[in-house]
Amino acid sequence: MPQKTAPSACPAAALAADLTTDVDAFLAHLSSERRLSPHTVQASRRDLAQLAAFLAGRGCGAWNRVTAADSRAFTAALHARGLSGRSIRRVLSSARGLYRYLHREKRAAANPFAGQTAPRARPPLPRVLDTGQAGQLVAVDGGGFYAVRDRAMLELLYSSGLRLAELVALRAADVDLKNCEVRVTGKGGKTRIVPVGRFAAAAVERWLRLRAGAGGGGEGEGALFVTKNGGALGARAVQKRIRHWALQRGLALPVSPHMLRHSFATHLLESSGDLRAVQELLGHADISTTQIYTHLDFQHLAKVYDQAHPRARKKSAAD
């Protein structure tokens, strides 16, 4: 009876092995000649192993046979697997680096990845406080200098959606408490009038009374928010004070002035649905900049739907 022979390696595995020989030479080049870190070399190894396996699966066993269509198909496969645009860009960068090496070694004439780009990644959505967290943060109590000043700052940031630079540039003369408005100078020197909520107006009025007793003169002359010595309060000091109050008020997340601006916009859009008004209040020149808040608003609506609709994705206890 004839003896059975061991099955030969599958064609894809054999092709991948052929491709790996050149990859190993390229990685040795990165390590010994370019002296890249072991971490970078290992990352390239993982990236190119994916590429080699993909090409072998398409029946391609030599780097000089790879076409632009192969590179596009590979990029599409990475995207279909759910890789982020950043990860895909890194893999494509490794592939282009390999081909530069192969071209130098005269093992490939063209670089099929030269014009290949990753799908454009959607910018991450800004983090926001919910209404309860925002109210918890701004409700600083106490009658001391810092408590009164910082509450006025927090209330104004959240009430009017100011940028940090706009807040520190405010002059006392910019605030019109009678009409509950503040004149803001934004990007490009553009001035806009934004409303001030009643809680913010009360906090600013209380601060102005206390501010009158602070030291004056120098760079802080006329500034709305000043230090105890009368100097103008800087951006970093505002950031530090907000972090301080976030901890004091029991918020277990890093809070920044811009997070309050994002929260202002999101909560206003949730309540009004008026994107154009939010654009005007934020001082955005292009409404496409404001549209990011529609994504945040949809997340809120989706959450409400899941919690309230009888045929939402949530399951009842009986299920």
C-alpha atoms as a PDB file:
ATOM      1  CA  MET A   1       0.000   0.000   0.000  1.00  0.00           C
ATOM      2  CA  PRO A   2       1.565   3.314  -1.032  1.00  0.00           C
ATOM      3  CA  GLN A   3       2.641   5.566   1.836  1.00  0.00           C
ATOM      4  CA  LYS A   4       0.828   8.904   2.148  1.00  0.00           C
ATOM      5  CA  THR A   5       2.946  11.962   1.631  1.00  0.00           C
ATOM      6  CA  ALA A   6       2.589  15.063   3.803  1.00  0.00           C
ATOM      7  CA  PRO A   7       0.446  17.749   2.196  1.00  0.00           C
ATOM      8  CA  SER A   8       2.408  20.603   0.678  1.00  0.00           C
ATOM      9  CA  ALA A   9       2.163  24.073   2.154  1.00  0.00           C
ATOM     10  CA  CYS A  10      -0.839  26.005   0.923  1.00  0.00           C
ATOM     11  CA  PRO A  11      -0.029  28.387  -1.938  1.00  0.00           C
ATOM     12  CA  ALA A  12      -0.942  31.487   0.126  1.00  0.00           C
ATOM     13  CA  ALA A  13       1.454  30.505   2.930  1.00  0.00           C
ATOM     14  CA  ALA A  14       4.252  29.871   0.416  1.00  0.00           C
ATOM     15  CA  LEU A  15       3.655  33.208  -1.260  1.00  0.00           C
ATOM     16  CA  ALA A  16       3.624  35.009   2.097  1.00  0.00           C
ATOM     17  CA  ALA A  17       6.970  33.392   2.943  1.00  0.00           C
ATOM     18  CA  ASP A  18       8.436  34.698  -0.338  1.00  0.00           C
ATOM     19  CA  LEU A  19       7.267  38.217   0.498  1.00  0.00           C
ATOM     20  CA  THR A  20       8.567  37.985   4.068  1.00  0.00           C
ATOM     21  CA  THR A  21      12.182  37.549   2.887  1.00  0.00           C
ATOM     22  CA  ASP A  22      12.245  41.096   1.555  1.00  0.00           C
ATOM     23  CA  VAL A  23      10.410  42.393   4.626  1.00  0.00           C
ATOM     24  CA  ASP A  24      13.082  40.904   6.915  1.00  0.00           C
ATOM     25  CA  ALA A  25      15.816  42.622   4.897  1.00  0.00           C
ATOM     26  CA  PHE A  26      13.947  45.922   5.094  1.00  0.00           C
ATOM     27  CA  LEU A  27      13.491  45.627   8.866  1.00  0.00           C
ATOM     28  CA  ALA A  28      17.200  44.873   9.292  1.00  0.00           C
ATOM     29  CA  HIS A  29      17.868  48.039   7.293  1.00  0.00           C
ATOM     30  CA  LEU A  30      15.619  50.048   9.640  1.00  0.00           C
ATOM     31  CA  SER A  31      17.373  48.654  12.686  1.00  0.00           C
ATOM     32  CA  SER A  32      21.035  48.687  11.625  1.00  0.00           C
ATOM     33  CA  GLU A  33      21.297  51.495   9.077  1.00  0.00           C
ATOM     34  CA  ARG A  34      18.565  53.901  10.110  1.00  0.00           C
ATOM     35  CA  ARG A  35      18.860  52.947  13.786  1.00  0.00           C
ATOM     36  CA  LEU A  36      15.156  53.209  14.473  1.00  0.00           C
ATOM     37  CA  SER A  37      13.872  52.095  17.864  1.00  0.00           C
ATOM     38  CA  PRO A  38      12.904  48.447  18.398  1.00  0.00           C
ATOM     39  CA  HIS A  39       9.328  49.624  19.013  1.00  0.00           C
ATOM     40  CA  THR A  40       9.178  51.305  15.584  1.00  0.00           C
ATOM     41  CA  VAL A  41      10.714  48.276  13.863  1.00  0.00           C
ATOM     42  CA  GLN A  42       8.205  45.940  15.511  1.00  0.00           C
ATOM     43  CA  ALA A  43       5.325  48.173  14.494  1.00  0.00           C
ATOM     44  CA  SER A  44       6.574  48.056  10.881  1.00  0.00           C
ATOM     45  CA  ARG A  45       6.879  44.281  11.117  1.00  0.00           C
ATOM     46  CA  ARG A  46       3.223  43.972  12.176  1.00  0.00           C
ATOM     47  CA  ASP A  47       2.070  46.352   9.467  1.00  0.00           C
ATOM     48  CA  LEU A  48       3.966  44.573   6.688  1.00  0.00           C
ATOM     49  CA  ALA A  49       2.922  41.131   7.904  1.00  0.00           C
ATOM     50  CA  GLN A  50      -0.683  42.226   7.329  1.00  0.00           C
ATOM     51  CA  LEU A  51       0.205  43.428   3.856  1.00  0.00           C
ATOM     52  CA  ALA A  52       2.108  40.244   2.966  1.00  0.00           C
ATOM     53  CA  ALA A  53      -0.772  38.026   4.095  1.00  0.00           C
ATOM     54  CA  PHE A  54      -3.250  40.108   2.104  1.00  0.00           C
ATOM     55  CA  LEU A  55      -1.174  39.991  -1.080  1.00  0.00           C
ATOM     56  CA  ALA A  56      -0.559  36.266  -0.737  1.00  0.00           C
ATOM     57  CA  GLY A  57      -4.291  35.768  -0.440  1.00  0.00           C
ATOM     58  CA  ARG A  58      -4.644  37.537  -3.799  1.00  0.00           C
ATOM     59  CA  GLY A  59      -2.056  35.219  -5.370  1.00  0.00           C
ATOM     60  CA  CYS A  60       0.739  37.783  -5.465  1.00  0.00           C
ATOM     61  CA  GLY A  61       4.115  36.450  -4.329  1.00  0.00           C
ATOM     62  CA  ALA A  62       6.513  39.214  -5.367  1.00  0.00           C
ATOM     63  CA  TRP A  63       6.660  42.860  -4.408  1.00  0.00           C
ATOM     64  CA  ASN A  64       7.376  43.975  -7.980  1.00  0.00           C
ATOM     65  CA  ARG A  65       4.062  42.448  -9.087  1.00  0.00           C
ATOM     66  CA  VAL A  66       1.921  44.515  -6.721  1.00  0.00           C
ATOM     67  CA  THR A  67      -0.302  47.008  -8.540  1.00  0.00           C
ATOM     68  CA  ALA A  68      -2.086  50.201  -7.575  1.00  0.00           C
ATOM     69  CA  ALA A  69      -5.322  48.191  -7.610  1.00  0.00           C
ATOM     70  CA  ASP A  70      -3.813  45.867  -4.982  1.00  0.00           C
ATOM     71  CA  SER A  71      -2.877  48.835  -2.811  1.00  0.00           C
ATOM     72  CA  ARG A  72      -6.399  50.265  -3.056  1.00  0.00           C
ATOM     73  CA  ALA A  73      -7.927  46.893  -2.215  1.00  0.00           C
ATOM     74  CA  PHE A  74      -5.632  46.563   0.796  1.00  0.00           C
ATOM     75  CA  THR A  75      -6.587  50.016   2.070  1.00  0.00           C
ATOM     76  CA  ALA A  76     -10.272  49.197   1.625  1.00  0.00           C
ATOM     77  CA  ALA A  77      -9.797  45.908   3.527  1.00  0.00           C
ATOM     78  CA  LEU A  78      -8.180  47.732   6.454  1.00  0.00           C
ATOM     79  CA  HIS A  79     -11.044  50.206   6.512  1.00  0.00           C
ATOM     80  CA  ALA A  80     -13.614  47.390   6.390  1.00  0.00           C
ATOM     81  CA  ARG A  81     -11.953  45.811   9.421  1.00  0.00           C
ATOM     82  CA  GLY A  82     -12.691  48.959  11.371  1.00  0.00           C
ATOM     83  CA  LEU A  83      -9.163  50.375  11.623  1.00  0.00           C
ATOM     84  CA  SER A  84      -9.027  54.079  12.332  1.00  0.00           C
ATOM     85  CA  GLY A  85      -7.725  56.514   9.743  1.00  0.00           C
ATOM     86  CA  ARG A  86      -4.646  57.017  11.899  1.00  0.00           C
ATOM     87  CA  SER A  87      -3.867  53.289  11.987  1.00  0.00           C
ATOM     88  CA  ILE A  88      -4.377  52.958   8.239  1.00  0.00           C
ATOM     89  CA  ARG A  89      -2.041  55.887   7.608  1.00  0.00           C
ATOM     90  CA  ARG A  90       0.625  54.179   9.699  1.00  0.00           C
ATOM     91  CA  VAL A  91       0.309  50.901   7.753  1.00  0.00           C
ATOM     92  CA  LEU A  92       0.479  52.731   4.418  1.00  0.00           C
ATOM     93  CA  SER A  93       3.531  54.631   5.630  1.00  0.00           C
ATOM     94  CA  SER A  94       5.244  51.312   6.395  1.00  0.00           C
ATOM     95  CA  ALA A  95       4.360  50.039   2.901  1.00  0.00           C
ATOM     96  CA  ARG A  96       5.747  53.174   1.238  1.00  0.00           C
ATOM     97  CA  GLY A  97       8.930  52.877   3.297  1.00  0.00           C
ATOM     98  CA  LEU A  98       9.357  49.258   2.191  1.00  0.00           C
ATOM     99  CA  TYR A  99       9.012  50.237  -1.453  1.00  0.00           C
ATOM    100  CA  ARG A 100      11.545  53.033  -1.139  1.00  0.00           C
ATOM    101  CA  TYR A 101      13.972  50.427   0.165  1.00  0.00           C
ATOM    102  CA  LEU A 102      13.085  47.925  -2.588  1.00  0.00           C
ATOM    103  CA  HIS A 103      13.537  50.618  -5.235  1.00  0.00           C
ATOM    104  CA  ARG A 104      16.976  51.427  -3.835  1.00  0.00           C
ATOM    105  CA  GLU A 105      17.850  47.726  -3.952  1.00  0.00           C
ATOM    106  CA  LYS A 106      16.473  47.507  -7.521  1.00  0.00           C
ATOM    107  CA  ARG A 107      13.902  44.910  -6.468  1.00  0.00           C
ATOM    108  CA  ALA A 108      10.885  47.018  -7.405  1.00  0.00           C
ATOM    109  CA  ALA A 109      10.580  49.658 -10.113  1.00  0.00           C
ATOM    110  CA  ALA A 110       7.464  51.452  -8.925  1.00  0.00           C
ATOM    111  CA  ASN A 111       5.770  52.210  -5.620  1.00  0.00           C
ATOM    112  CA  PRO A 112       2.082  51.221  -5.885  1.00  0.00           C
ATOM    113  CA  PHE A 113       1.408  52.898  -2.525  1.00  0.00           C
ATOM    114  CA  ALA A 114       2.855  56.268  -3.552  1.00  0.00           C
ATOM    115  CA  GLY A 115      -0.511  57.951  -4.121  1.00  0.00           C
ATOM    116  CA  GLN A 116      -2.565  55.893  -1.716  1.00  0.00           C
ATOM    117  CA  THR A 117      -4.213  57.756   1.165  1.00  0.00           C
ATOM    118  CA  ALA A 118      -6.211  56.597   4.146  1.00  0.00           C
ATOM    119  CA  PRO A 119      -9.911  57.428   4.452  1.00  0.00           C
ATOM    120  CA  ARG A 120     -10.327  60.777   6.120  1.00  0.00           C
ATOM    121  CA  ALA A 121     -10.991  60.302   9.808  1.00  0.00           C
ATOM    122  CA  ARG A 122     -13.827  62.174  11.460  1.00  0.00           C
ATOM    123  CA  PRO A 123     -12.425  64.444  14.168  1.00  0.00           C
ATOM    124  CA  PRO A 124     -13.168  63.190  17.653  1.00  0.00           C
ATOM    125  CA  LEU A 125     -16.241  64.689  19.255  1.00  0.00           C
ATOM    126  CA  PRO A 126     -15.514  67.176  22.025  1.00  0.00           C
ATOM    127  CA  ARG A 127     -16.147  66.045  25.567  1.00  0.00           C
ATOM    128  CA  VAL A 128     -18.925  67.863  27.373  1.00  0.00           C
ATOM    129  CA  LEU A 129     -20.440  68.046  30.828  1.00  0.00           C
ATOM    130  CA  ASP A 130     -24.053  67.119  31.241  1.00  0.00           C
ATOM    131  CA  THR A 131     -26.347  69.757  32.697  1.00  0.00           C
ATOM    132  CA  GLY A 132     -26.056  68.332  36.193  1.00  0.00           C
ATOM    133  CA  GLN A 133     -22.264  68.319  36.095  1.00  0.00           C
ATOM    134  CA  ALA A 134     -22.147  71.856  34.693  1.00  0.00           C
ATOM    135  CA  GLY A 135     -24.449  73.105  37.451  1.00  0.00           C
ATOM    136  CA  GLN A 136     -22.375  71.266  40.050  1.00  0.00           C
ATOM    137  CA  LEU A 137     -19.160  72.855  38.796  1.00  0.00           C
ATOM    138  CA  VAL A 138     -20.273  76.478  38.594  1.00  0.00           C
ATOM    139  CA  ALA A 139     -22.049  76.508  41.962  1.00  0.00           C
ATOM    140  CA  VAL A 140     -18.944  77.609  43.850  1.00  0.00           C
ATOM    141  CA  ASP A 141     -19.945  78.937  47.251  1.00  0.00           C
ATOM    142  CA  GLY A 142     -18.162  81.223  49.654  1.00  0.00           C
ATOM    143  CA  GLY A 143     -17.571  84.941  50.022  1.00  0.00           C
ATOM    144  CA  GLY A 144     -13.799  85.028  49.694  1.00  0.00           C
ATOM    145  CA  PHE A 145     -11.920  86.707  46.865  1.00  0.00           C
ATOM    146  CA  TYR A 146     -11.128  83.534  44.926  1.00  0.00           C
ATOM    147  CA  ALA A 147     -14.522  81.909  45.377  1.00  0.00           C
ATOM    148  CA  VAL A 148     -16.399  85.011  44.208  1.00  0.00           C
ATOM    149  CA  ARG A 149     -14.071  85.712  41.273  1.00  0.00           C
ATOM    150  CA  ASP A 150     -13.906  82.097  40.124  1.00  0.00           C
ATOM    151  CA  ARG A 151     -17.655  81.607  40.304  1.00  0.00           C
ATOM    152  CA  ALA A 152     -18.107  84.654  38.098  1.00  0.00           C
ATOM    153  CA  MET A 153     -15.607  83.201  35.603  1.00  0.00           C
ATOM    154  CA  LEU A 154     -17.231  79.767  35.572  1.00  0.00           C
ATOM    155  CA  GLU A 155     -20.742  81.153  35.270  1.00  0.00           C
ATOM    156  CA  LEU A 156     -19.710  83.445  32.422  1.00  0.00           C
ATOM    157  CA  LEU A 157     -17.892  80.690  30.509  1.00  0.00           C
ATOM    158  CA  TYR A 158     -20.865  78.362  30.721  1.00  0.00           C
ATOM    159  CA  SER A 159     -23.536  81.055  30.327  1.00  0.00           C
ATOM    160  CA  SER A 160     -22.083  82.710  27.243  1.00  0.00           C
ATOM    161  CA  GLY A 161     -19.840  80.066  25.634  1.00  0.00           C
ATOM    162  CA  LEU A 162     -16.705  82.201  25.665  1.00  0.00           C
ATOM    163  CA  ARG A 163     -13.309  81.027  24.504  1.00  0.00           C
ATOM    164  CA  LEU A 164     -10.552  81.165  27.103  1.00  0.00           C
ATOM    165  CA  ALA A 165      -8.748  83.959  25.214  1.00  0.00           C
ATOM    166  CA  GLU A 166     -11.996  85.923  25.043  1.00  0.00           C
ATOM    167  CA  LEU A 167     -12.556  85.584  28.779  1.00  0.00           C
ATOM    168  CA  VAL A 168      -9.102  86.823  29.828  1.00  0.00           C
ATOM    169  CA  ALA A 169      -9.320  89.713  27.345  1.00  0.00           C
ATOM    170  CA  LEU A 170     -12.567  91.036  28.835  1.00  0.00           C
ATOM    171  CA  ARG A 171     -12.555  94.519  30.333  1.00  0.00           C
ATOM    172  CA  ALA A 172     -14.913  95.544  33.079  1.00  0.00           C
ATOM    173  CA  ALA A 173     -16.395  98.035  30.612  1.00  0.00           C
ATOM    174  CA  ASP A 174     -17.357  95.175  28.278  1.00  0.00           C
ATOM    175  CA  VAL A 175     -20.015  93.938  30.692  1.00  0.00           C
ATOM    176  CA  ASP A 176     -23.475  95.485  30.502  1.00  0.00           C
ATOM    177  CA  LEU A 177     -25.337  94.070  33.482  1.00  0.00           C
ATOM    178  CA  LYS A 178     -28.363  96.283  32.916  1.00  0.00           C
ATOM    179  CA  ASN A 179     -29.047  94.559  29.591  1.00  0.00           C
ATOM    180  CA  CYS A 180     -27.402  91.275  30.609  1.00  0.00           C
ATOM    181  CA  GLU A 181     -24.892  91.385  27.744  1.00  0.00           C
ATOM    182  CA  VAL A 182     -21.162  91.193  27.274  1.00  0.00           C
ATOM    183  CA  ARG A 183     -19.111  92.526  24.360  1.00  0.00           C
ATOM    184  CA  VAL A 184     -16.595  89.905  23.245  1.00  0.00           C
ATOM    185  CA  THR A 185     -13.629  90.275  20.917  1.00  0.00           C
ATOM    186  CA  GLY A 186     -13.103  86.944  19.179  1.00  0.00           C
ATOM    187  CA  LYS A 187     -10.803  85.531  16.522  1.00  0.00           C
ATOM    188  CA  GLY A 188      -9.643  87.983  13.887  1.00  0.00           C
ATOM    189  CA  GLY A 189     -10.567  90.890  16.123  1.00  0.00           C
ATOM    190  CA  LYS A 190     -14.269  90.385  15.403  1.00  0.00           C
ATOM    191  CA  THR A 191     -16.600  91.757  18.053  1.00  0.00           C
ATOM    192  CA  ARG A 192     -19.916  90.187  19.005  1.00  0.00           C
ATOM    193  CA  ILE A 193     -22.502  90.815  21.686  1.00  0.00           C
ATOM    194  CA  VAL A 194     -23.602  87.729  23.607  1.00  0.00           C
ATOM    195  CA  PRO A 195     -26.246  87.426  26.304  1.00  0.00           C
ATOM    196  CA  VAL A 196     -25.365  86.753  29.925  1.00  0.00           C
ATOM    197  CA  GLY A 197     -27.684  84.506  31.911  1.00  0.00           C
ATOM    198  CA  ARG A 198     -29.224  85.714  35.163  1.00  0.00           C
ATOM    199  CA  PHE A 199     -27.046  83.472  37.346  1.00  0.00           C
ATOM    200  CA  ALA A 200     -23.921  84.631  35.552  1.00  0.00           C
ATOM    201  CA  ALA A 201     -25.029  88.275  35.755  1.00  0.00           C
ATOM    202  CA  ALA A 202     -25.560  87.981  39.513  1.00  0.00           C
ATOM    203  CA  ALA A 203     -22.152  86.319  39.947  1.00  0.00           C
ATOM    204  CA  VAL A 204     -20.387  88.992  37.869  1.00  0.00           C
ATOM    205  CA  GLU A 205     -22.153  91.807  39.727  1.00  0.00           C
ATOM    206  CA  ARG A 206     -21.033  90.332  43.036  1.00  0.00           C
ATOM    207  CA  TRP A 207     -17.483  90.015  41.712  1.00  0.00           C
ATOM    208  CA  LEU A 208     -17.380  93.605  40.465  1.00  0.00           C
ATOM    209  CA  ARG A 209     -18.242  94.858  43.928  1.00  0.00           C
ATOM    210  CA  LEU A 210     -15.414  92.807  45.425  1.00  0.00           C
ATOM    211  CA  ARG A 211     -13.004  93.627  42.588  1.00  0.00           C
ATOM    212  CA  ALA A 212     -13.218  97.307  43.433  1.00  0.00           C
ATOM    213  CA  GLY A 213     -11.259  96.576  46.607  1.00  0.00           C
ATOM    214  CA  ALA A 214      -8.456  94.662  44.832  1.00  0.00           C
ATOM    215  CA  GLY A 215      -5.097  96.280  44.150  1.00  0.00           C
ATOM    216  CA  GLY A 216      -5.125  98.358  40.979  1.00  0.00           C
ATOM    217  CA  GLY A 217      -2.814  99.757  38.407  1.00  0.00           C
ATOM    218  CA  GLY A 218      -0.347  98.089  36.099  1.00  0.00           C
ATOM    219  CA  GLU A 219      -1.349  95.522  33.491  1.00  0.00           C
ATOM    220  CA  GLY A 220      -4.577  94.658  35.308  1.00  0.00           C
ATOM    221  CA  GLU A 221      -6.034  98.133  35.030  1.00  0.00           C
ATOM    222  CA  GLY A 222      -9.491  97.768  33.507  1.00  0.00           C
ATOM    223  CA  ALA A 223      -9.357  93.976  33.191  1.00  0.00           C
ATOM    224  CA  LEU A 224     -12.532  92.222  34.318  1.00  0.00           C
ATOM    225  CA  PHE A 225     -10.752  89.371  36.070  1.00  0.00           C
ATOM    226  CA  VAL A 226      -7.689  90.185  38.121  1.00  0.00           C
ATOM    227  CA  THR A 227      -5.426  88.617  40.707  1.00  0.00           C
ATOM    228  CA  LYS A 228      -5.514  89.623  44.347  1.00  0.00           C
ATOM    229  CA  ASN A 229      -2.701  92.069  43.623  1.00  0.00           C
ATOM    230  CA  GLY A 230      -4.612  93.683  40.795  1.00  0.00           C
ATOM    231  CA  GLY A 231      -2.773  92.136  37.849  1.00  0.00           C
ATOM    232  CA  ALA A 232      -4.686  90.809  34.863  1.00  0.00           C
ATOM    233  CA  LEU A 233      -5.511  87.138  35.246  1.00  0.00           C
ATOM    234  CA  GLY A 234      -3.796  84.994  32.610  1.00  0.00           C
ATOM    235  CA  ALA A 235      -5.069  82.023  30.617  1.00  0.00           C
ATOM    236  CA  ARG A 236      -3.008  79.442  32.493  1.00  0.00           C
ATOM    237  CA  ALA A 237      -4.243  80.727  35.818  1.00  0.00           C
ATOM    238  CA  VAL A 238      -7.846  80.345  34.630  1.00  0.00           C
ATOM    239  CA  GLN A 239      -7.163  76.768  33.505  1.00  0.00           C
ATOM    240  CA  LYS A 240      -5.600  75.975  36.859  1.00  0.00           C
ATOM    241  CA  ARG A 241      -8.518  77.446  38.814  1.00  0.00           C
ATOM    242  CA  ILE A 242     -11.052  75.465  36.784  1.00  0.00           C
ATOM    243  CA  ARG A 243      -9.174  72.223  37.423  1.00  0.00           C
ATOM    244  CA  HIS A 244      -9.064  73.141  41.105  1.00  0.00           C
ATOM    245  CA  TRP A 245     -12.814  73.663  41.308  1.00  0.00           C
ATOM    246  CA  ALA A 246     -13.572  70.520  39.304  1.00  0.00           C
ATOM    247  CA  LEU A 247     -11.759  68.518  41.975  1.00  0.00           C
ATOM    248  CA  GLN A 248     -13.321  70.484  44.798  1.00  0.00           C
ATOM    249  CA  ARG A 249     -16.799  69.993  43.374  1.00  0.00           C
ATOM    250  CA  GLY A 250     -16.301  66.242  43.008  1.00  0.00           C
ATOM    251  CA  LEU A 251     -16.081  65.931  39.215  1.00  0.00           C
ATOM    252  CA  ALA A 252     -13.981  62.904  38.337  1.00  0.00           C
ATOM    253  CA  LEU A 253     -12.890  64.170  34.921  1.00  0.00           C
ATOM    254  CA  PRO A 254     -10.484  66.812  33.628  1.00  0.00           C
ATOM    255  CA  VAL A 255     -12.429  70.006  32.991  1.00  0.00           C
ATOM    256  CA  SER A 256     -11.123  72.792  30.775  1.00  0.00           C
ATOM    257  CA  PRO A 257     -12.486  76.191  29.714  1.00  0.00           C
ATOM    258  CA  HIS A 258     -13.172  74.788  26.249  1.00  0.00           C
ATOM    259  CA  MET A 259     -15.196  71.942  27.747  1.00  0.00           C
ATOM    260  CA  LEU A 260     -17.496  74.561  29.256  1.00  0.00           C
ATOM    261  CA  ARG A 261     -17.803  76.206  25.830  1.00  0.00           C
ATOM    262  CA  HIS A 262     -18.656  72.853  24.261  1.00  0.00           C
ATOM    263  CA  SER A 263     -21.172  72.183  27.030  1.00  0.00           C
ATOM    264  CA  PHE A 264     -22.792  75.586  26.485  1.00  0.00           C
ATOM    265  CA  ALA A 265     -23.222  74.898  22.767  1.00  0.00           C
ATOM    266  CA  THR A 266     -24.483  71.349  23.216  1.00  0.00           C
ATOM    267  CA  HIS A 267     -27.022  72.181  25.896  1.00  0.00           C
ATOM    268  CA  LEU A 268     -28.285  75.187  23.951  1.00  0.00           C
ATOM    269  CA  LEU A 269     -28.692  73.120  20.789  1.00  0.00           C
ATOM    270  CA  GLU A 270     -30.475  70.356  22.698  1.00  0.00           C
ATOM    271  CA  SER A 271     -32.979  72.871  24.026  1.00  0.00           C
ATOM    272  CA  SER A 272     -33.478  75.091  20.973  1.00  0.00           C
ATOM    273  CA  GLY A 273     -32.474  73.081  17.921  1.00  0.00           C
ATOM    274  CA  ASP A 274     -31.355  76.384  16.345  1.00  0.00           C
ATOM    275  CA  LEU A 275     -27.936  75.705  14.833  1.00  0.00           C
ATOM    276  CA  ARG A 276     -27.646  79.143  13.251  1.00  0.00           C
ATOM    277  CA  ALA A 277     -28.205  80.885  16.583  1.00  0.00           C
ATOM    278  CA  VAL A 278     -25.570  78.695  18.236  1.00  0.00           C
ATOM    279  CA  GLN A 279     -23.176  79.626  15.426  1.00  0.00           C
ATOM    280  CA  GLU A 280     -23.728  83.342  16.090  1.00  0.00           C
ATOM    281  CA  LEU A 281     -23.307  82.978  19.837  1.00  0.00           C
ATOM    282  CA  LEU A 282     -20.069  81.004  19.478  1.00  0.00           C
ATOM    283  CA  GLY A 283     -18.661  83.435  16.923  1.00  0.00           C
ATOM    284  CA  HIS A 284     -18.040  80.765  14.270  1.00  0.00           C
ATOM    285  CA  ALA A 285     -17.399  82.220  10.819  1.00  0.00           C
ATOM    286  CA  ASP A 286     -18.550  78.991   9.109  1.00  0.00           C
ATOM    287  CA  ILE A 287     -21.562  76.971  10.195  1.00  0.00           C
ATOM    288  CA  SER A 288     -19.709  73.754   9.320  1.00  0.00           C
ATOM    289  CA  THR A 289     -17.605  74.381  12.445  1.00  0.00           C
ATOM    290  CA  THR A 290     -20.766  74.491  14.531  1.00  0.00           C
ATOM    291  CA  GLN A 291     -22.205  71.347  12.974  1.00  0.00           C
ATOM    292  CA  ILE A 292     -20.046  69.130  15.181  1.00  0.00           C
ATOM    293  CA  TYR A 293     -22.578  69.861  17.924  1.00  0.00           C
ATOM    294  CA  THR A 294     -25.323  68.245  15.871  1.00  0.00           C
ATOM    295  CA  HIS A 295     -23.459  64.950  16.301  1.00  0.00           C
ATOM    296  CA  LEU A 296     -23.367  65.484  20.049  1.00  0.00           C
ATOM    297  CA  ASP A 297     -27.051  66.385  20.022  1.00  0.00           C
ATOM    298  CA  PHE A 298     -27.849  63.205  18.098  1.00  0.00           C
ATOM    299  CA  GLN A 299     -25.993  61.169  20.727  1.00  0.00           C
ATOM    300  CA  HIS A 300     -28.214  62.761  23.355  1.00  0.00           C
ATOM    301  CA  LEU A 301     -31.343  62.033  21.342  1.00  0.00           C
ATOM    302  CA  ALA A 302     -30.258  58.442  20.739  1.00  0.00           C
ATOM    303  CA  LYS A 303     -29.713  57.968  24.464  1.00  0.00           C
ATOM    304  CA  VAL A 304     -33.159  59.347  25.238  1.00  0.00           C
ATOM    305  CA  TYR A 305     -34.644  57.070  22.582  1.00  0.00           C
ATOM    306  CA  ASP A 306     -32.919  53.987  24.000  1.00  0.00           C
ATOM    307  CA  GLN A 307     -34.164  54.805  27.474  1.00  0.00           C
ATOM    308  CA  ALA A 308     -37.722  55.757  26.572  1.00  0.00           C
ATOM    309  CA  HIS A 309     -38.988  54.143  23.376  1.00  0.00           C
ATOM    310  CA  PRO A 310     -40.821  50.821  23.844  1.00  0.00           C
ATOM    311  CA  ARG A 311     -39.081  49.333  20.833  1.00  0.00           C
ATOM    312  CA  ALA A 312     -35.598  50.667  21.534  1.00  0.00           C
ATOM    313  CA  ARG A 313     -32.546  48.451  21.746  1.00  0.00           C
ATOM    314  CA  LYS A 314     -32.791  48.021  25.513  1.00  0.00           C
ATOM    315  CA  LYS A 315     -34.272  44.790  26.814  1.00  0.00           C
ATOM    316  CA  SER A 316     -36.866  44.492  29.544  1.00  0.00           C
ATOM    317  CA  ALA A 317     -36.345  42.397  32.640  1.00  0.00           C
ATOM    318  CA  ALA A 318     -38.781  39.816  31.204  1.00  0.00           C
ATOM    319  CA  ASP A 319     -36.452  39.290  28.236  1.00  0.00           C
END
